[in-house]
N, C-alpha and C. Protein backbone atom coordinates (compact mmCIF):
# COMPACT_ATOMS: atom_id res chain seq x y z
N MET A 1 0.83 -1.19 0.00
CA MET A 1 0.00 0.00 0.00
C MET A 1 0.87 1.25 0.00
N THR A 2 0.44 2.24 -0.72
CA THR A 2 1.17 3.49 -0.75
C THR A 2 0.76 4.35 0.44
N GLU A 3 1.52 5.38 0.67
CA GLU A 3 1.22 6.31 1.77
C GLU A 3 -0.14 6.97 1.58
N GLN A 4 -0.51 7.26 0.35
CA GLN A 4 -1.80 7.90 0.03
C GLN A 4 -2.95 6.99 0.42
N GLU A 5 -2.82 5.69 0.22
CA GLU A 5 -3.90 4.75 0.51
C GLU A 5 -4.09 4.54 2.00
N LYS A 6 -3.08 4.80 2.83
CA LYS A 6 -3.17 4.60 4.26
C LYS A 6 -3.83 5.76 5.00
N LYS A 7 -3.98 6.89 4.35
CA LYS A 7 -4.57 8.06 5.00
C LYS A 7 -6.03 7.79 5.34
N PRO A 8 -6.47 8.20 6.54
CA PRO A 8 -7.88 8.02 6.88
C PRO A 8 -8.75 8.93 6.02
N VAL A 9 -9.96 8.48 5.77
CA VAL A 9 -10.88 9.25 4.95
C VAL A 9 -11.28 10.54 5.65
N ILE A 10 -11.51 10.44 6.96
CA ILE A 10 -11.90 11.61 7.75
C ILE A 10 -10.76 11.92 8.71
N SER A 11 -10.29 13.15 8.68
CA SER A 11 -9.18 13.53 9.56
C SER A 11 -9.64 13.56 11.01
N PRO A 12 -8.72 13.45 11.94
CA PRO A 12 -9.07 13.51 13.37
C PRO A 12 -9.74 14.83 13.75
N ASP A 13 -9.34 15.93 13.11
CA ASP A 13 -9.97 17.22 13.39
C ASP A 13 -11.45 17.20 13.03
N VAL A 14 -11.75 16.64 11.87
CA VAL A 14 -13.15 16.57 11.44
C VAL A 14 -13.93 15.64 12.35
N LYS A 15 -13.34 14.53 12.74
CA LYS A 15 -14.00 13.59 13.66
C LYS A 15 -14.34 14.29 14.98
N ALA A 16 -13.43 15.09 15.48
CA ALA A 16 -13.67 15.82 16.73
C ALA A 16 -14.82 16.80 16.57
N ARG A 17 -14.84 17.50 15.43
CA ARG A 17 -15.93 18.46 15.20
C ARG A 17 -17.26 17.76 15.03
N LEU A 18 -17.27 16.57 14.43
CA LEU A 18 -18.51 15.80 14.28
C LEU A 18 -19.08 15.37 15.62
N LYS A 19 -18.21 15.21 16.62
CA LYS A 19 -18.65 14.81 17.95
C LYS A 19 -18.98 15.99 18.85
N ASP A 20 -18.69 17.18 18.40
CA ASP A 20 -18.92 18.39 19.20
C ASP A 20 -20.42 18.68 19.27
N GLN A 21 -20.98 18.64 20.47
CA GLN A 21 -22.42 18.84 20.63
C GLN A 21 -22.85 20.27 20.30
N SER A 22 -21.97 21.24 20.50
CA SER A 22 -22.36 22.63 20.24
C SER A 22 -22.66 22.87 18.77
N ILE A 23 -21.93 22.19 17.88
CA ILE A 23 -22.17 22.39 16.45
C ILE A 23 -23.52 21.80 16.05
N TRP A 24 -23.90 20.68 16.68
CA TRP A 24 -25.20 20.06 16.39
C TRP A 24 -26.34 20.88 17.01
N LEU A 25 -26.09 21.49 18.16
CA LEU A 25 -27.08 22.39 18.75
C LEU A 25 -27.30 23.59 17.82
N TYR A 26 -26.22 24.13 17.30
CA TYR A 26 -26.33 25.24 16.35
C TYR A 26 -27.15 24.81 15.12
N PHE A 27 -26.91 23.60 14.63
CA PHE A 27 -27.66 23.09 13.48
C PHE A 27 -29.16 23.02 13.79
N LEU A 28 -29.52 22.52 14.97
CA LEU A 28 -30.94 22.46 15.35
C LEU A 28 -31.54 23.86 15.47
N GLN A 29 -30.75 24.79 15.98
CA GLN A 29 -31.22 26.17 16.07
C GLN A 29 -31.43 26.75 14.67
N LEU A 30 -30.56 26.43 13.73
CA LEU A 30 -30.74 26.90 12.35
C LEU A 30 -32.05 26.40 11.78
N ILE A 31 -32.38 25.13 12.01
CA ILE A 31 -33.64 24.57 11.52
C ILE A 31 -34.81 25.30 12.18
N MET A 32 -34.75 25.47 13.49
CA MET A 32 -35.82 26.15 14.22
C MET A 32 -36.01 27.58 13.72
N TYR A 33 -34.91 28.31 13.56
CA TYR A 33 -35.02 29.70 13.11
C TYR A 33 -35.40 29.80 11.63
N GLY A 34 -35.06 28.80 10.85
CA GLY A 34 -35.51 28.78 9.46
C GLY A 34 -37.03 28.66 9.37
N ILE A 35 -37.59 27.80 10.21
CA ILE A 35 -39.05 27.66 10.28
C ILE A 35 -39.69 28.95 10.78
N ALA A 36 -39.10 29.53 11.83
CA ALA A 36 -39.61 30.79 12.38
C ALA A 36 -39.57 31.90 11.33
N PHE A 37 -38.49 31.93 10.55
CA PHE A 37 -38.36 32.96 9.50
C PHE A 37 -39.49 32.82 8.48
N GLY A 38 -39.76 31.58 8.07
CA GLY A 38 -40.84 31.35 7.11
C GLY A 38 -42.20 31.75 7.66
N LEU A 39 -42.47 31.42 8.93
CA LEU A 39 -43.74 31.81 9.54
C LEU A 39 -43.84 33.33 9.65
N CYS A 40 -42.75 33.96 10.01
CA CYS A 40 -42.75 35.42 10.14
C CYS A 40 -42.98 36.11 8.80
N ALA A 41 -42.51 35.51 7.74
CA ALA A 41 -42.75 36.09 6.41
C ALA A 41 -44.25 36.11 6.11
N TRP A 42 -44.95 35.04 6.48
CA TRP A 42 -46.40 35.01 6.29
C TRP A 42 -47.10 36.00 7.21
N ILE A 43 -46.62 36.11 8.45
CA ILE A 43 -47.20 37.09 9.38
C ILE A 43 -46.98 38.50 8.85
N LEU A 44 -45.80 38.77 8.31
CA LEU A 44 -45.52 40.08 7.72
C LEU A 44 -46.46 40.39 6.57
N LEU A 45 -46.72 39.40 5.75
CA LEU A 45 -47.66 39.60 4.65
C LEU A 45 -49.05 39.94 5.19
N GLY A 46 -49.51 39.20 6.20
CA GLY A 46 -50.82 39.47 6.79
C GLY A 46 -50.89 40.85 7.42
N VAL A 47 -49.85 41.23 8.16
CA VAL A 47 -49.81 42.56 8.80
C VAL A 47 -49.79 43.65 7.73
N SER A 48 -49.06 43.42 6.66
CA SER A 48 -48.99 44.42 5.58
C SER A 48 -50.34 44.62 4.92
N LEU A 49 -51.03 43.52 4.67
CA LEU A 49 -52.37 43.63 4.07
C LEU A 49 -53.35 44.30 5.03
N LEU A 50 -53.30 43.95 6.30
CA LEU A 50 -54.16 44.60 7.29
C LEU A 50 -53.85 46.08 7.37
N HIS A 51 -52.58 46.41 7.38
CA HIS A 51 -52.18 47.82 7.45
C HIS A 51 -52.67 48.58 6.21
N PHE A 52 -52.57 47.94 5.05
CA PHE A 52 -53.06 48.56 3.83
C PHE A 52 -54.56 48.84 3.93
N LEU A 53 -55.33 47.85 4.39
CA LEU A 53 -56.78 48.03 4.51
C LEU A 53 -57.13 49.12 5.51
N LEU A 54 -56.46 49.13 6.64
CA LEU A 54 -56.73 50.18 7.64
C LEU A 54 -56.37 51.56 7.11
N ARG A 55 -55.27 51.63 6.39
CA ARG A 55 -54.89 52.93 5.83
C ARG A 55 -55.87 53.37 4.75
N LEU A 56 -56.38 52.41 4.00
CA LEU A 56 -57.37 52.70 2.98
C LEU A 56 -58.64 53.26 3.63
N LEU A 57 -59.04 52.69 4.76
CA LEU A 57 -60.26 53.12 5.44
C LEU A 57 -60.08 54.40 6.24
N THR A 58 -58.96 54.54 6.93
CA THR A 58 -58.77 55.70 7.81
C THR A 58 -57.97 56.83 7.16
N GLY A 59 -57.17 56.50 6.17
CA GLY A 59 -56.34 57.51 5.52
C GLY A 59 -55.01 57.75 6.21
N GLU A 60 -54.78 57.06 7.33
CA GLU A 60 -53.54 57.26 8.07
C GLU A 60 -52.93 55.92 8.44
N PRO A 61 -51.60 55.87 8.59
CA PRO A 61 -50.97 54.63 9.05
C PRO A 61 -51.32 54.34 10.51
N ASN A 62 -51.36 53.09 10.86
CA ASN A 62 -51.66 52.66 12.23
C ASN A 62 -50.34 52.56 12.99
N SER A 63 -50.20 53.35 14.04
CA SER A 63 -48.92 53.41 14.77
C SER A 63 -48.59 52.08 15.46
N GLU A 64 -49.59 51.36 15.94
CA GLU A 64 -49.33 50.07 16.59
C GLU A 64 -48.84 49.04 15.58
N LEU A 65 -49.40 49.02 14.39
CA LEU A 65 -48.93 48.11 13.36
C LEU A 65 -47.54 48.50 12.87
N GLN A 66 -47.25 49.79 12.85
CA GLN A 66 -45.91 50.24 12.49
C GLN A 66 -44.88 49.73 13.50
N LYS A 67 -45.21 49.85 14.80
CA LYS A 67 -44.30 49.37 15.84
C LYS A 67 -44.10 47.86 15.73
N PHE A 68 -45.21 47.12 15.54
CA PHE A 68 -45.09 45.68 15.42
C PHE A 68 -44.27 45.31 14.18
N GLY A 69 -44.52 46.02 13.07
CA GLY A 69 -43.76 45.77 11.85
C GLY A 69 -42.28 46.00 12.04
N GLN A 70 -41.91 47.06 12.78
CA GLN A 70 -40.50 47.33 13.05
C GLN A 70 -39.89 46.24 13.91
N ASN A 71 -40.62 45.81 14.94
CA ASN A 71 -40.13 44.74 15.81
C ASN A 71 -39.99 43.42 15.04
N LEU A 72 -40.94 43.13 14.17
CA LEU A 72 -40.87 41.92 13.36
C LEU A 72 -39.69 41.98 12.39
N ALA A 73 -39.47 43.14 11.79
CA ALA A 73 -38.32 43.32 10.89
C ALA A 73 -37.01 43.13 11.65
N THR A 74 -36.93 43.65 12.87
CA THR A 74 -35.74 43.49 13.69
C THR A 74 -35.52 42.02 14.03
N TYR A 75 -36.61 41.31 14.33
CA TYR A 75 -36.51 39.88 14.63
C TYR A 75 -35.99 39.11 13.42
N LEU A 76 -36.50 39.41 12.25
CA LEU A 76 -36.03 38.75 11.03
C LEU A 76 -34.56 39.08 10.79
N TYR A 77 -34.18 40.31 11.05
CA TYR A 77 -32.77 40.72 10.92
C TYR A 77 -31.89 39.91 11.88
N GLU A 78 -32.36 39.74 13.12
CA GLU A 78 -31.59 38.98 14.09
C GLU A 78 -31.43 37.52 13.67
N ILE A 79 -32.48 36.95 13.07
CA ILE A 79 -32.39 35.57 12.57
C ILE A 79 -31.34 35.48 11.48
N VAL A 80 -31.35 36.42 10.55
CA VAL A 80 -30.37 36.41 9.46
C VAL A 80 -28.96 36.58 10.01
N GLN A 81 -28.78 37.47 10.97
CA GLN A 81 -27.46 37.68 11.57
C GLN A 81 -26.97 36.40 12.25
N PHE A 82 -27.86 35.72 12.98
CA PHE A 82 -27.48 34.49 13.67
C PHE A 82 -27.18 33.37 12.66
N ALA A 83 -28.04 33.21 11.67
CA ALA A 83 -27.88 32.12 10.70
C ALA A 83 -26.62 32.29 9.85
N SER A 84 -26.27 33.52 9.56
CA SER A 84 -25.08 33.77 8.75
C SER A 84 -23.81 33.89 9.61
N GLN A 85 -23.95 33.65 10.90
CA GLN A 85 -22.86 33.67 11.87
C GLN A 85 -22.17 35.02 11.98
N VAL A 86 -22.91 36.07 11.74
CA VAL A 86 -22.39 37.42 11.95
C VAL A 86 -22.53 37.78 13.43
N SER A 87 -23.57 37.23 14.06
CA SER A 87 -23.81 37.47 15.48
C SER A 87 -24.01 36.14 16.19
N ALA A 88 -23.51 36.04 17.40
CA ALA A 88 -23.70 34.83 18.20
C ALA A 88 -24.95 34.94 19.08
N LYS A 89 -25.59 36.13 19.07
CA LYS A 89 -26.78 36.33 19.90
C LYS A 89 -27.94 35.53 19.31
N THR A 90 -28.52 34.67 20.12
CA THR A 90 -29.66 33.88 19.65
C THR A 90 -30.92 34.73 19.72
N PRO A 91 -31.71 34.73 18.65
CA PRO A 91 -32.95 35.51 18.63
C PRO A 91 -34.05 34.90 19.52
N PHE A 92 -35.16 35.58 19.62
CA PHE A 92 -36.34 35.09 20.32
C PHE A 92 -36.69 33.71 19.76
N PRO A 93 -37.05 32.74 20.50
CA PRO A 93 -37.46 32.68 21.91
C PRO A 93 -36.32 32.39 22.88
N LEU A 94 -35.09 32.31 22.42
CA LEU A 94 -33.97 32.07 23.33
C LEU A 94 -33.42 33.37 23.90
N SER A 95 -33.98 34.48 23.52
CA SER A 95 -33.69 35.79 24.11
C SER A 95 -34.97 36.61 24.04
N ALA A 96 -34.91 37.83 24.48
CA ALA A 96 -36.10 38.68 24.53
C ALA A 96 -36.56 39.07 23.12
N TRP A 97 -37.88 39.32 23.00
CA TRP A 97 -38.43 39.80 21.74
C TRP A 97 -37.85 41.18 21.47
N PRO A 98 -37.43 41.46 20.23
CA PRO A 98 -36.80 42.76 19.94
C PRO A 98 -37.79 43.91 20.05
N SER A 99 -37.25 45.05 20.38
CA SER A 99 -38.05 46.26 20.47
C SER A 99 -37.33 47.37 19.71
N GLY A 100 -37.98 47.87 18.69
CA GLY A 100 -37.40 48.95 17.91
C GLY A 100 -36.45 48.48 16.82
N ALA A 101 -35.66 49.40 16.33
CA ALA A 101 -34.72 49.11 15.25
C ALA A 101 -33.57 48.25 15.76
N PRO A 102 -32.97 47.46 14.87
CA PRO A 102 -31.87 46.59 15.31
C PRO A 102 -30.64 47.39 15.71
N ALA A 103 -29.94 46.84 16.68
CA ALA A 103 -28.65 47.43 17.06
C ALA A 103 -27.66 47.11 15.96
N THR A 104 -26.73 47.97 15.75
CA THR A 104 -25.73 47.69 14.72
C THR A 104 -24.83 46.57 15.21
N VAL A 105 -24.49 45.69 14.30
CA VAL A 105 -23.64 44.55 14.62
C VAL A 105 -22.41 44.64 13.73
N GLU A 106 -21.25 44.57 14.36
CA GLU A 106 -20.02 44.58 13.57
C GLU A 106 -19.82 43.21 12.97
N ALA A 107 -19.31 43.16 11.78
CA ALA A 107 -19.08 41.89 11.10
C ALA A 107 -18.06 41.08 11.89
N ALA A 108 -18.27 39.77 11.87
CA ALA A 108 -17.33 38.88 12.54
C ALA A 108 -15.99 38.96 11.84
N PRO A 109 -14.91 38.95 12.59
CA PRO A 109 -13.59 39.01 11.94
C PRO A 109 -13.33 37.75 11.12
N LEU A 110 -12.63 37.91 10.03
CA LEU A 110 -12.27 36.77 9.21
C LEU A 110 -11.25 35.92 9.93
N SER A 111 -11.37 34.61 9.76
CA SER A 111 -10.37 33.74 10.37
C SER A 111 -9.09 33.85 9.56
N SER A 112 -8.01 33.37 10.11
CA SER A 112 -6.71 33.48 9.45
C SER A 112 -6.70 32.70 8.14
N GLU A 113 -7.55 31.67 8.01
CA GLU A 113 -7.60 30.90 6.78
C GLU A 113 -8.21 31.70 5.63
N GLU A 114 -9.11 32.64 5.96
CA GLU A 114 -9.83 33.40 4.93
C GLU A 114 -9.08 34.63 4.48
N GLU A 115 -8.12 35.09 5.27
CA GLU A 115 -7.44 36.35 4.96
C GLU A 115 -6.51 36.22 3.78
């Protein structure tokens, strides 16, 4: 056998990462937040249509729907930040429901492999 044929298919580093529970927890959170994102998109559509109808009838925007829309947009932003690994902060329900505009998040630094 040559040296190439003796190499393991999966390196020890990869084996260690496959056994790391935190990476699998993150994966489950991604699935959960993906479902939440899809549901929120439908809720946003419903709120938008309701807001349109109310504005059509009253002639003015509804301030409570505007606040809810902002909070929902911030929640969706937090999900995207978490899923893309820009932020380690877990969104609702593992933290508080957002209130107002999102806080600015600095981009995660590139690892030495990416530079």
